[in-house]
Amino acid sequence: MITIWHNPRCSKSRQTLALLEDKGAVSVRRYLEDAPTLLELQEVLARLGGAAIDMMRPKEARFKELGLSKTDSDATLLTAMAENPILIERPIVLSDNKAAIGRPPEAVLDVL
């Protein structure tokens, strides 16, 4: 099953969801309303294979309000995302063992 962490107010998230729906069934998780846990964020980071900052929105006002830096540790950034899901880059698409960020939307096709 393919799952998308979705924010319907985001055009890239809407485009990615439409792309996924054209390919078949997709489960939608509105991550702002149903925030992922720290453990879930750690698992997604492992699937993405990058650094925590890569799955964040550093230009989001909350990032600055919290005094975060792009050089903070993964643990610090993951905790901030768990407590402030607005900081999570959108959309994130998950399959059984892969993940991708839909920027651009076509980037998620590798997880299908």
PDB file of N, CA and C in Angstrom:
ATOM      1  N   MET A   1       0.841  -1.191   0.000  1.00  0.00           N
ATOM      2  CA  MET A   1       0.000   0.000   0.000  1.00  0.00           C
ATOM      3  C   MET A   1       0.881   1.247   0.000  1.00  0.00           C
ATOM      4  N   ILE A   2       0.499   2.200  -0.782  1.00  0.00           N
ATOM      5  CA  ILE A   2       1.187   3.475  -0.868  1.00  0.00           C
ATOM      6  C   ILE A   2       0.463   4.464   0.055  1.00  0.00           C
ATOM      7  N   THR A   3       1.232   5.192   0.846  1.00  0.00           N
ATOM      8  CA  THR A   3       0.677   6.205   1.746  1.00  0.00           C
ATOM      9  C   THR A   3       1.326   7.538   1.424  1.00  0.00           C
ATOM     10  N   ILE A   4       0.521   8.587   1.432  1.00  0.00           N
ATOM     11  CA  ILE A   4       1.037   9.942   1.237  1.00  0.00           C
ATOM     12  C   ILE A   4       0.742  10.752   2.492  1.00  0.00           C
ATOM     13  N   TRP A   5       1.790  11.410   2.996  1.00  0.00           N
ATOM     14  CA  TRP A   5       1.613  12.399   4.054  1.00  0.00           C
ATOM     15  C   TRP A   5       1.253  13.686   3.318  1.00  0.00           C
ATOM     16  N   HIS A   6       0.021  14.092   3.457  1.00  0.00           N
ATOM     17  CA  HIS A   6      -0.585  15.079   2.572  1.00  0.00           C
ATOM     18  C   HIS A   6      -1.050  16.321   3.319  1.00  0.00           C
ATOM     19  N   ASN A   7      -0.864  17.464   2.670  1.00  0.00           N
ATOM     20  CA  ASN A   7      -1.423  18.727   3.120  1.00  0.00           C
ATOM     21  C   ASN A   7      -2.233  19.265   1.946  1.00  0.00           C
ATOM     22  N   PRO A   8      -3.567  19.236   2.024  1.00  0.00           N
ATOM     23  CA  PRO A   8      -4.395  19.653   0.891  1.00  0.00           C
ATOM     24  C   PRO A   8      -4.231  21.120   0.499  1.00  0.00           C
ATOM     25  N   ARG A   9      -3.631  21.936   1.353  1.00  0.00           N
ATOM     26  CA  ARG A   9      -3.418  23.347   1.018  1.00  0.00           C
ATOM     27  C   ARG A   9      -2.184  23.544   0.147  1.00  0.00           C
ATOM     28  N   CYS A  10      -1.378  22.504  -0.025  1.00  0.00           N
ATOM     29  CA  CYS A  10      -0.119  22.589  -0.776  1.00  0.00           C
ATOM     30  C   CYS A  10      -0.333  22.102  -2.212  1.00  0.00           C
ATOM     31  N   SER A  11       0.037  22.906  -3.185  1.00  0.00           N
ATOM     32  CA  SER A  11      -0.153  22.528  -4.584  1.00  0.00           C
ATOM     33  C   SER A  11       0.684  21.308  -4.963  1.00  0.00           C
ATOM     34  N   LYS A  12       1.930  21.227  -4.479  1.00  0.00           N
ATOM     35  CA  LYS A  12       2.772  20.057  -4.794  1.00  0.00           C
ATOM     36  C   LYS A  12       2.172  18.792  -4.191  1.00  0.00           C
ATOM     37  N   SER A  13       1.606  18.914  -3.010  1.00  0.00           N
ATOM     38  CA  SER A  13       0.983  17.764  -2.367  1.00  0.00           C
ATOM     39  C   SER A  13      -0.258  17.323  -3.159  1.00  0.00           C
ATOM     40  N   ARG A  14      -1.049  18.273  -3.602  1.00  0.00           N
ATOM     41  CA  ARG A  14      -2.232  17.937  -4.412  1.00  0.00           C
ATOM     42  C   ARG A  14      -1.824  17.304  -5.740  1.00  0.00           C
ATOM     43  N   GLN A  15      -0.780  17.837  -6.374  1.00  0.00           N
ATOM     44  CA  GLN A  15      -0.304  17.274  -7.645  1.00  0.00           C
ATOM     45  C   GLN A  15       0.203  15.850  -7.444  1.00  0.00           C
ATOM     46  N   THR A  16       0.933  15.625  -6.368  1.00  0.00           N
ATOM     47  CA  THR A  16       1.468  14.297  -6.086  1.00  0.00           C
ATOM     48  C   THR A  16       0.343  13.317  -5.810  1.00  0.00           C
ATOM     49  N   LEU A  17      -0.642  13.727  -5.044  1.00  0.00           N
ATOM     50  CA  LEU A  17      -1.780  12.862  -4.758  1.00  0.00           C
ATOM     51  C   LEU A  17      -2.503  12.482  -6.044  1.00  0.00           C
ATOM     52  N   ALA A  18      -2.720  13.437  -6.935  1.00  0.00           N
ATOM     53  CA  ALA A  18      -3.375  13.150  -8.213  1.00  0.00           C
ATOM     54  C   ALA A  18      -2.564  12.154  -9.032  1.00  0.00           C
ATOM     55  N   LEU A  19      -1.261  12.321  -9.045  1.00  0.00           N
ATOM     56  CA  LEU A  19      -0.375  11.406  -9.758  1.00  0.00           C
ATOM     57  C   LEU A  19      -0.495   9.990  -9.193  1.00  0.00           C
ATOM     58  N   LEU A  20      -0.513   9.887  -7.874  1.00  0.00           N
ATOM     59  CA  LEU A  20      -0.632   8.576  -7.231  1.00  0.00           C
ATOM     60  C   LEU A  20      -1.995   7.950  -7.481  1.00  0.00           C
ATOM     61  N   GLU A  21      -3.039   8.739  -7.432  1.00  0.00           N
ATOM     62  CA  GLU A  21      -4.389   8.206  -7.664  1.00  0.00           C
ATOM     63  C   GLU A  21      -4.517   7.659  -9.074  1.00  0.00           C
ATOM     64  N   ASP A  22      -3.820   8.277 -10.033  1.00  0.00           N
ATOM     65  CA  ASP A  22      -3.829   7.770 -11.405  1.00  0.00           C
ATOM     66  C   ASP A  22      -3.159   6.407 -11.503  1.00  0.00           C
ATOM     67  N   LYS A  23      -2.256   6.113 -10.565  1.00  0.00           N
ATOM     68  CA  LYS A  23      -1.509   4.846 -10.582  1.00  0.00           C
ATOM     69  C   LYS A  23      -2.202   3.747  -9.782  1.00  0.00           C
ATOM     70  N   GLY A  24      -3.209   4.091  -8.980  1.00  0.00           N
ATOM     71  CA  GLY A  24      -3.907   3.082  -8.192  1.00  0.00           C
ATOM     72  C   GLY A  24      -4.265   3.595  -6.811  1.00  0.00           C
ATOM     73  N   ALA A  25      -4.513   2.651  -5.911  1.00  0.00           N
ATOM     74  CA  ALA A  25      -4.963   2.978  -4.560  1.00  0.00           C
ATOM     75  C   ALA A  25      -3.866   3.668  -3.755  1.00  0.00           C
ATOM     76  N   VAL A  26      -4.286   4.617  -2.960  1.00  0.00           N
ATOM     77  CA  VAL A  26      -3.349   5.344  -2.107  1.00  0.00           C
ATOM     78  C   VAL A  26      -4.070   5.696  -0.805  1.00  0.00           C
ATOM     79  N   SER A  27      -3.356   5.556   0.293  1.00  0.00           N
ATOM     80  CA  SER A  27      -3.868   5.934   1.602  1.00  0.00           C
ATOM     81  C   SER A  27      -3.372   7.349   1.902  1.00  0.00           C
ATOM     82  N   VAL A  28      -4.267   8.216   2.348  1.00  0.00           N
ATOM     83  CA  VAL A  28      -3.925   9.610   2.608  1.00  0.00           C
ATOM     84  C   VAL A  28      -3.863   9.834   4.116  1.00  0.00           C
ATOM     85  N   ARG A  29      -2.760  10.392   4.542  1.00  0.00           N
ATOM     86  CA  ARG A  29      -2.601  10.782   5.940  1.00  0.00           C
ATOM     87  C   ARG A  29      -2.383  12.284   5.979  1.00  0.00           C
ATOM     88  N   ARG A  30      -3.303  12.985   6.584  1.00  0.00           N
ATOM     89  CA  ARG A  30      -3.159  14.431   6.758  1.00  0.00           C
ATOM     90  C   ARG A  30      -2.281  14.649   7.977  1.00  0.00           C
ATOM     91  N   TYR A  31      -1.005  14.766   7.728  1.00  0.00           N
ATOM     92  CA  TYR A  31      -0.017  14.745   8.798  1.00  0.00           C
ATOM     93  C   TYR A  31      -0.113  15.943   9.754  1.00  0.00           C
ATOM     94  N   LEU A  32      -0.756  17.020   9.345  1.00  0.00           N
ATOM     95  CA  LEU A  32      -0.929  18.147  10.260  1.00  0.00           C
ATOM     96  C   LEU A  32      -1.986  17.822  11.319  1.00  0.00           C
ATOM     97  N   GLU A  33      -2.959  17.000  10.955  1.00  0.00           N
ATOM     98  CA  GLU A  33      -4.020  16.590  11.874  1.00  0.00           C
ATOM     99  C   GLU A  33      -3.662  15.295  12.598  1.00  0.00           C
ATOM    100  N   ASP A  34      -2.911  14.442  11.938  1.00  0.00           N
ATOM    101  CA  ASP A  34      -2.502  13.140  12.480  1.00  0.00           C
ATOM    102  C   ASP A  34      -0.979  13.091  12.423  1.00  0.00           C
ATOM    103  N   ALA A  35      -0.365  13.815  13.345  1.00  0.00           N
ATOM    104  CA  ALA A  35       1.086  14.003  13.326  1.00  0.00           C
ATOM    105  C   ALA A  35       1.832  12.683  13.529  1.00  0.00           C
ATOM    106  N   PRO A  36       2.889  12.464  12.752  1.00  0.00           N
ATOM    107  CA  PRO A  36       3.712  11.274  12.954  1.00  0.00           C
ATOM    108  C   PRO A  36       4.486  11.354  14.265  1.00  0.00           C
ATOM    109  N   THR A  37       4.723  10.203  14.833  1.00  0.00           N
ATOM    110  CA  THR A  37       5.514  10.125  16.063  1.00  0.00           C
ATOM    111  C   THR A  37       6.990  10.266  15.732  1.00  0.00           C
ATOM    112  N   LEU A  38       7.781  10.448  16.754  1.00  0.00           N
ATOM    113  CA  LEU A  38       9.229  10.516  16.571  1.00  0.00           C
ATOM    114  C   LEU A  38       9.732   9.227  15.938  1.00  0.00           C
ATOM    115  N   LEU A  39       9.226   8.085  16.384  1.00  0.00           N
ATOM    116  CA  LEU A  39       9.649   6.800  15.814  1.00  0.00           C
ATOM    117  C   LEU A  39       9.290   6.718  14.330  1.00  0.00           C
ATOM    118  N   GLU A  40       8.107   7.153  13.964  1.00  0.00           N
ATOM    119  CA  GLU A  40       7.716   7.141  12.548  1.00  0.00           C
ATOM    120  C   GLU A  40       8.637   8.039  11.725  1.00  0.00           C
ATOM    121  N   LEU A  41       8.959   9.194  12.255  1.00  0.00           N
ATOM    122  CA  LEU A  41       9.864  10.099  11.542  1.00  0.00           C
ATOM    123  C   LEU A  41      11.246   9.489  11.380  1.00  0.00           C
ATOM    124  N   GLN A  42      11.736   8.805  12.395  1.00  0.00           N
ATOM    125  CA  GLN A  42      13.031   8.122  12.309  1.00  0.00           C
ATOM    126  C   GLN A  42      12.999   7.044  11.230  1.00  0.00           C
ATOM    127  N   GLU A  43      11.895   6.302  11.162  1.00  0.00           N
ATOM    128  CA  GLU A  43      11.760   5.244  10.148  1.00  0.00           C
ATOM    129  C   GLU A  43      11.711   5.831   8.741  1.00  0.00           C
ATOM    130  N   VAL A  44      10.995   6.928   8.581  1.00  0.00           N
ATOM    131  CA  VAL A  44      10.923   7.575   7.269  1.00  0.00           C
ATOM    132  C   VAL A  44      12.291   8.112   6.871  1.00  0.00           C
ATOM    133  N   LEU A  45      12.989   8.713   7.803  1.00  0.00           N
ATOM    134  CA  LEU A  45      14.336   9.217   7.510  1.00  0.00           C
ATOM    135  C   LEU A  45      15.234   8.081   7.043  1.00  0.00           C
ATOM    136  N   ALA A  46      15.148   6.930   7.679  1.00  0.00           N
ATOM    137  CA  ALA A  46      15.951   5.779   7.269  1.00  0.00           C
ATOM    138  C   ALA A  46      15.595   5.350   5.847  1.00  0.00           C
ATOM    139  N   ARG A  47      14.324   5.380   5.501  1.00  0.00           N
ATOM    140  CA  ARG A  47      13.908   5.010   4.138  1.00  0.00           C
ATOM    141  C   ARG A  47      14.383   6.026   3.110  1.00  0.00           C
ATOM    142  N   LEU A  48      14.353   7.301   3.489  1.00  0.00           N
ATOM    143  CA  LEU A  48      14.801   8.348   2.566  1.00  0.00           C
ATOM    144  C   LEU A  48      16.312   8.306   2.357  1.00  0.00           C
ATOM    145  N   GLY A  49      17.024   7.909   3.397  1.00  0.00           N
ATOM    146  CA  GLY A  49      18.470   7.775   3.280  1.00  0.00           C
ATOM    147  C   GLY A  49      19.232   9.079   3.257  1.00  0.00           C
ATOM    148  N   GLY A  50      18.690  10.119   3.824  1.00  0.00           N
ATOM    149  CA  GLY A  50      19.388  11.396   3.847  1.00  0.00           C
ATOM    150  C   GLY A  50      19.522  11.910   5.259  1.00  0.00           C
ATOM    151  N   ALA A  51      19.577  13.211   5.373  1.00  0.00           N
ATOM    152  CA  ALA A  51      19.651  13.874   6.676  1.00  0.00           C
ATOM    153  C   ALA A  51      18.267  14.425   7.021  1.00  0.00           C
ATOM    154  N   ALA A  52      18.017  14.616   8.296  1.00  0.00           N
ATOM    155  CA  ALA A  52      16.715  15.106   8.742  1.00  0.00           C
ATOM    156  C   ALA A  52      16.354  16.447   8.105  1.00  0.00           C
ATOM    157  N   ILE A  53      17.335  17.302   7.894  1.00  0.00           N
ATOM    158  CA  ILE A  53      17.061  18.608   7.306  1.00  0.00           C
ATOM    159  C   ILE A  53      16.442  18.465   5.912  1.00  0.00           C
ATOM    160  N   ASP A  54      16.731  17.354   5.221  1.00  0.00           N
ATOM    161  CA  ASP A  54      16.197  17.134   3.877  1.00  0.00           C
ATOM    162  C   ASP A  54      14.691  16.915   3.878  1.00  0.00           C
ATOM    163  N   MET A  55      14.136  16.532   5.029  1.00  0.00           N
ATOM    164  CA  MET A  55      12.685  16.308   5.094  1.00  0.00           C
ATOM    165  C   MET A  55      11.987  17.410   5.894  1.00  0.00           C
ATOM    166  N   MET A  56      12.654  18.574   5.951  1.00  0.00           N
ATOM    167  CA  MET A  56      12.114  19.717   6.696  1.00  0.00           C
ATOM    168  C   MET A  56      11.873  20.909   5.782  1.00  0.00           C
ATOM    169  N   ARG A  57      11.091  21.828   6.320  1.00  0.00           N
ATOM    170  CA  ARG A  57      10.814  23.100   5.655  1.00  0.00           C
ATOM    171  C   ARG A  57      11.535  24.207   6.434  1.00  0.00           C
ATOM    172  N   PRO A  58      12.820  24.429   6.160  1.00  0.00           N
ATOM    173  CA  PRO A  58      13.576  25.420   6.935  1.00  0.00           C
ATOM    174  C   PRO A  58      13.125  26.860   6.709  1.00  0.00           C
ATOM    175  N   LYS A  59      12.367  27.119   5.672  1.00  0.00           N
ATOM    176  CA  LYS A  59      11.871  28.476   5.436  1.00  0.00           C
ATOM    177  C   LYS A  59      10.548  28.725   6.160  1.00  0.00           C
ATOM    178  N   GLU A  60      10.004  27.685   6.766  1.00  0.00           N
ATOM    179  CA  GLU A  60       8.775  27.822   7.558  1.00  0.00           C
ATOM    180  C   GLU A  60       9.060  28.722   8.758  1.00  0.00           C
ATOM    181  N   ALA A  61       8.161  29.638   9.048  1.00  0.00           N
ATOM    182  CA  ALA A  61       8.364  30.584  10.153  1.00  0.00           C
ATOM    183  C   ALA A  61       8.635  29.863  11.472  1.00  0.00           C
ATOM    184  N   ARG A  62       7.991  28.740  11.698  1.00  0.00           N
ATOM    185  CA  ARG A  62       8.158  28.008  12.961  1.00  0.00           C
ATOM    186  C   ARG A  62       9.604  27.543  13.141  1.00  0.00           C
ATOM    187  N   PHE A  63      10.291  27.237  12.069  1.00  0.00           N
ATOM    188  CA  PHE A  63      11.695  26.819  12.114  1.00  0.00           C
ATOM    189  C   PHE A  63      12.526  27.904  12.804  1.00  0.00           C
ATOM    190  N   LYS A  64      12.329  29.132  12.365  1.00  0.00           N
ATOM    191  CA  LYS A  64      13.071  30.259  12.947  1.00  0.00           C
ATOM    192  C   LYS A  64      12.610  30.541  14.377  1.00  0.00           C
ATOM    193  N   GLU A  65      11.294  30.471  14.596  1.00  0.00           N
ATOM    194  CA  GLU A  65      10.748  30.719  15.936  1.00  0.00           C
ATOM    195  C   GLU A  65      11.348  29.780  16.978  1.00  0.00           C
ATOM    196  N   LEU A  66      11.617  28.533  16.569  1.00  0.00           N
ATOM    197  CA  LEU A  66      12.178  27.538  17.482  1.00  0.00           C
ATOM    198  C   LEU A  66      13.693  27.668  17.625  1.00  0.00           C
ATOM    199  N   GLY A  67      14.297  28.577  16.857  1.00  0.00           N
ATOM    200  CA  GLY A  67      15.740  28.765  16.922  1.00  0.00           C
ATOM    201  C   GLY A  67      16.517  27.617  16.308  1.00  0.00           C
ATOM    202  N   LEU A  68      15.890  26.920  15.356  1.00  0.00           N
ATOM    203  CA  LEU A  68      16.554  25.785  14.714  1.00  0.00           C
ATOM    204  C   LEU A  68      17.547  26.248  13.665  1.00  0.00           C
ATOM    205  N   SER A  69      18.481  25.365  13.358  1.00  0.00           N
ATOM    206  CA  SER A  69      19.504  25.639  12.359  1.00  0.00           C
ATOM    207  C   SER A  69      19.623  24.427  11.441  1.00  0.00           C
ATOM    208  N   LYS A  70      20.001  24.665  10.212  1.00  0.00           N
ATOM    209  CA  LYS A  70      20.218  23.564   9.265  1.00  0.00           C
ATOM    210  C   LYS A  70      21.331  22.637   9.720  1.00  0.00           C
ATOM    211  N   THR A  71      22.160  23.089  10.627  1.00  0.00           N
ATOM    212  CA  THR A  71      23.279  22.269  11.109  1.00  0.00           C
ATOM    213  C   THR A  71      22.959  21.533  12.420  1.00  0.00           C
ATOM    214  N   ASP A  72      21.732  21.689  12.930  1.00  0.00           N
ATOM    215  CA  ASP A  72      21.343  20.941  14.130  1.00  0.00           C
ATOM    216  C   ASP A  72      21.387  19.444  13.858  1.00  0.00           C
ATOM    217  N   SER A  73      21.523  18.673  14.903  1.00  0.00           N
ATOM    218  CA  SER A  73      21.588  17.211  14.766  1.00  0.00           C
ATOM    219  C   SER A  73      20.264  16.661  14.248  1.00  0.00           C
ATOM    220  N   ASP A  74      20.335  15.478  13.634  1.00  0.00           N
ATOM    221  CA  ASP A  74      19.121  14.808  13.177  1.00  0.00           C
ATOM    222  C   ASP A  74      18.155  14.612  14.332  1.00  0.00           C
ATOM    223  N   ALA A  75      18.669  14.250  15.495  1.00  0.00           N
ATOM    224  CA  ALA A  75      17.801  14.017  16.658  1.00  0.00           C
ATOM    225  C   ALA A  75      17.033  15.285  17.027  1.00  0.00           C
ATOM    226  N   THR A  76      17.701  16.417  17.024  1.00  0.00           N
ATOM    227  CA  THR A  76      17.055  17.691  17.348  1.00  0.00           C
ATOM    228  C   THR A  76      15.979  18.026  16.322  1.00  0.00           C
ATOM    229  N   LEU A  77      16.314  17.861  15.050  1.00  0.00           N
ATOM    230  CA  LEU A  77      15.372  18.208  13.988  1.00  0.00           C
ATOM    231  C   LEU A  77      14.182  17.259  13.954  1.00  0.00           C
ATOM    232  N   LEU A  78      14.417  15.972  14.162  1.00  0.00           N
ATOM    233  CA  LEU A  78      13.320  15.002  14.188  1.00  0.00           C
ATOM    234  C   LEU A  78      12.374  15.289  15.351  1.00  0.00           C
ATOM    235  N   THR A  79      12.918  15.619  16.499  1.00  0.00           N
ATOM    236  CA  THR A  79      12.084  15.960  17.654  1.00  0.00           C
ATOM    237  C   THR A  79      11.248  17.193  17.357  1.00  0.00           C
ATOM    238  N   ALA A  80      11.862  18.183  16.717  1.00  0.00           N
ATOM    239  CA  ALA A  80      11.127  19.402  16.352  1.00  0.00           C
ATOM    240  C   ALA A  80       9.981  19.080  15.394  1.00  0.00           C
ATOM    241  N   MET A  81      10.215  18.186  14.427  1.00  0.00           N
ATOM    242  CA  MET A  81       9.155  17.804  13.493  1.00  0.00           C
ATOM    243  C   MET A  81       8.033  17.053  14.198  1.00  0.00           C
ATOM    244  N   ALA A  82       8.393  16.186  15.140  1.00  0.00           N
ATOM    245  CA  ALA A  82       7.375  15.430  15.873  1.00  0.00           C
ATOM    246  C   ALA A  82       6.484  16.366  16.683  1.00  0.00           C
ATOM    247  N   GLU A  83       7.078  17.407  17.223  1.00  0.00           N
ATOM    248  CA  GLU A  83       6.334  18.363  18.042  1.00  0.00           C
ATOM    249  C   GLU A  83       5.675  19.463  17.217  1.00  0.00           C
ATOM    250  N   ASN A  84       6.142  19.675  15.997  1.00  0.00           N
ATOM    251  CA  ASN A  84       5.654  20.745  15.114  1.00  0.00           C
ATOM    252  C   ASN A  84       5.551  20.208  13.691  1.00  0.00           C
ATOM    253  N   PRO A  85       4.526  19.426  13.375  1.00  0.00           N
ATOM    254  CA  PRO A  85       4.464  18.787  12.053  1.00  0.00           C
ATOM    255  C   PRO A  85       4.436  19.755  10.877  1.00  0.00           C
ATOM    256  N   ILE A  86       4.167  21.028  11.124  1.00  0.00           N
ATOM    257  CA  ILE A  86       4.218  22.027  10.053  1.00  0.00           C
ATOM    258  C   ILE A  86       5.623  22.100   9.453  1.00  0.00           C
ATOM    259  N   LEU A  87       6.627  21.629  10.183  1.00  0.00           N
ATOM    260  CA  LEU A  87       8.012  21.659   9.715  1.00  0.00           C
ATOM    261  C   LEU A  87       8.337  20.540   8.727  1.00  0.00           C
ATOM    262  N   ILE A  88       7.459  19.546   8.604  1.00  0.00           N
ATOM    263  CA  ILE A  88       7.718  18.405   7.724  1.00  0.00           C
ATOM    264  C   ILE A  88       7.507  18.825   6.275  1.00  0.00           C
ATOM    265  N   GLU A  89       8.494  18.534   5.441  1.00  0.00           N
ATOM    266  CA  GLU A  89       8.385  18.809   4.003  1.00  0.00           C
ATOM    267  C   GLU A  89       7.240  17.978   3.448  1.00  0.00           C
ATOM    268  N   ARG A  90       6.547  18.524   2.501  1.00  0.00           N
ATOM    269  CA  ARG A  90       5.411  17.814   1.933  1.00  0.00           C
ATOM    270  C   ARG A  90       5.504  17.759   0.431  1.00  0.00           C
ATOM    271  N   PRO A  91       4.918  16.746  -0.114  1.00  0.00           N
ATOM    272  CA  PRO A  91       4.400  15.539   0.519  1.00  0.00           C
ATOM    273  C   PRO A  91       5.496  14.492   0.644  1.00  0.00           C
ATOM    274  N   ILE A  92       5.292  13.561   1.543  1.00  0.00           N
ATOM    275  CA  ILE A  92       6.165  12.387   1.647  1.00  0.00           C
ATOM    276  C   ILE A  92       5.321  11.184   1.278  1.00  0.00           C
ATOM    277  N   VAL A  93       5.860  10.351   0.397  1.00  0.00           N
ATOM    278  CA  VAL A  93       5.164   9.153  -0.052  1.00  0.00           C
ATOM    279  C   VAL A  93       5.937   7.934   0.427  1.00  0.00           C
ATOM    280  N   LEU A  94       5.189   6.978   0.982  1.00  0.00           N
ATOM    281  CA  LEU A  94       5.786   5.783   1.569  1.00  0.00           C
ATOM    282  C   LEU A  94       5.221   4.527   0.937  1.00  0.00           C
ATOM    283  N   SER A  95       6.100   3.570   0.696  1.00  0.00           N
ATOM    284  CA  SER A  95       5.683   2.221   0.332  1.00  0.00           C
ATOM    285  C   SER A  95       6.204   1.311   1.437  1.00  0.00           C
ATOM    286  N   ASP A  96       6.194   0.019   1.220  1.00  0.00           N
ATOM    287  CA  ASP A  96       6.610  -0.904   2.277  1.00  0.00           C
ATOM    288  C   ASP A  96       8.022  -0.640   2.786  1.00  0.00           C
ATOM    289  N   ASN A  97       8.948  -0.338   1.893  1.00  0.00           N
ATOM    290  CA  ASN A  97      10.331  -0.149   2.341  1.00  0.00           C
ATOM    291  C   ASN A  97      11.031   1.046   1.700  1.00  0.00           C
ATOM    292  N   LYS A  98      10.284   1.891   1.023  1.00  0.00           N
ATOM    293  CA  LYS A  98      10.863   3.063   0.366  1.00  0.00           C
ATOM    294  C   LYS A  98      10.089   4.319   0.756  1.00  0.00           C
ATOM    295  N   ALA A  99      10.709   5.439   0.529  1.00  0.00           N
ATOM    296  CA  ALA A  99      10.060   6.727   0.734  1.00  0.00           C
ATOM    297  C   ALA A  99      10.635   7.732  -0.250  1.00  0.00           C
ATOM    298  N   ALA A 100       9.851   8.741  -0.556  1.00  0.00           N
ATOM    299  CA  ALA A 100      10.310   9.825  -1.429  1.00  0.00           C
ATOM    300  C   ALA A 100       9.532  11.080  -1.095  1.00  0.00           C
ATOM    301  N   ILE A 101      10.182  12.200  -1.294  1.00  0.00           N
ATOM    302  CA  ILE A 101       9.539  13.498  -1.129  1.00  0.00           C
ATOM    303  C   ILE A 101       9.087  13.954  -2.509  1.00  0.00           C
ATOM    304  N   GLY A 102       7.843  14.380  -2.606  1.00  0.00           N
ATOM    305  CA  GLY A 102       7.247  14.757  -3.887  1.00  0.00           C
ATOM    306  C   GLY A 102       7.599  16.144  -4.357  1.00  0.00           C
ATOM    307  N   ARG A 103       8.848  16.427  -4.474  1.00  0.00           N
ATOM    308  CA  ARG A 103       9.333  17.704  -4.991  1.00  0.00           C
ATOM    309  C   ARG A 103      10.434  17.422  -5.998  1.00  0.00           C
ATOM    310  N   PRO A 104      10.125  17.340  -7.261  1.00  0.00           N
ATOM    311  CA  PRO A 104       8.834  17.505  -7.903  1.00  0.00           C
ATOM    312  C   PRO A 104       7.952  16.268  -7.688  1.00  0.00           C
ATOM    313  N   PRO A 105       6.654  16.371  -7.991  1.00  0.00           N
ATOM    314  CA  PRO A 105       5.756  15.236  -7.764  1.00  0.00           C
ATOM    315  C   PRO A 105       6.230  13.929  -8.399  1.00  0.00           C
ATOM    316  N   GLU A 106       6.860  14.005  -9.554  1.00  0.00           N
ATOM    317  CA  GLU A 106       7.305  12.806 -10.248  1.00  0.00           C
ATOM    318  C   GLU A 106       8.385  12.042  -9.484  1.00  0.00           C
ATOM    319  N   ALA A 107       9.008  12.679  -8.516  1.00  0.00           N
ATOM    320  CA  ALA A 107      10.056  12.030  -7.731  1.00  0.00           C
ATOM    321  C   ALA A 107       9.526  10.839  -6.936  1.00  0.00           C
ATOM    322  N   VAL A 108       8.221  10.794  -6.721  1.00  0.00           N
ATOM    323  CA  VAL A 108       7.656   9.690  -5.934  1.00  0.00           C
ATOM    324  C   VAL A 108       7.441   8.428  -6.757  1.00  0.00           C
ATOM    325  N   LEU A 109       7.577   8.501  -8.055  1.00  0.00           N
ATOM    326  CA  LEU A 109       7.319   7.334  -8.901  1.00  0.00           C
ATOM    327  C   LEU A 109       8.279   6.189  -8.588  1.00  0.00           C
ATOM    328  N   ASP A 110       9.439   6.492  -8.026  1.00  0.00           N
ATOM    329  CA  ASP A 110      10.408   5.456  -7.687  1.00  0.00           C
ATOM    330  C   ASP A 110       9.935   4.545  -6.553  1.00  0.00           C
ATOM    331  N   VAL A 111       8.970   4.984  -5.757  1.00  0.00           N
ATOM    332  CA  VAL A 111       8.499   4.149  -4.650  1.00  0.00           C
ATOM    333  C   VAL A 111       7.342   3.249  -5.058  1.00  0.00           C
ATOM    334  N   LEU A 112       6.788   3.461  -6.249  1.00  0.00           N
ATOM    335  CA  LEU A 112       5.652   2.645  -6.681  1.00  0.00           C
ATOM    336  C   LEU A 112       6.080   1.254  -7.085  1.00  0.00           C
TER     337      LEU A 112
END
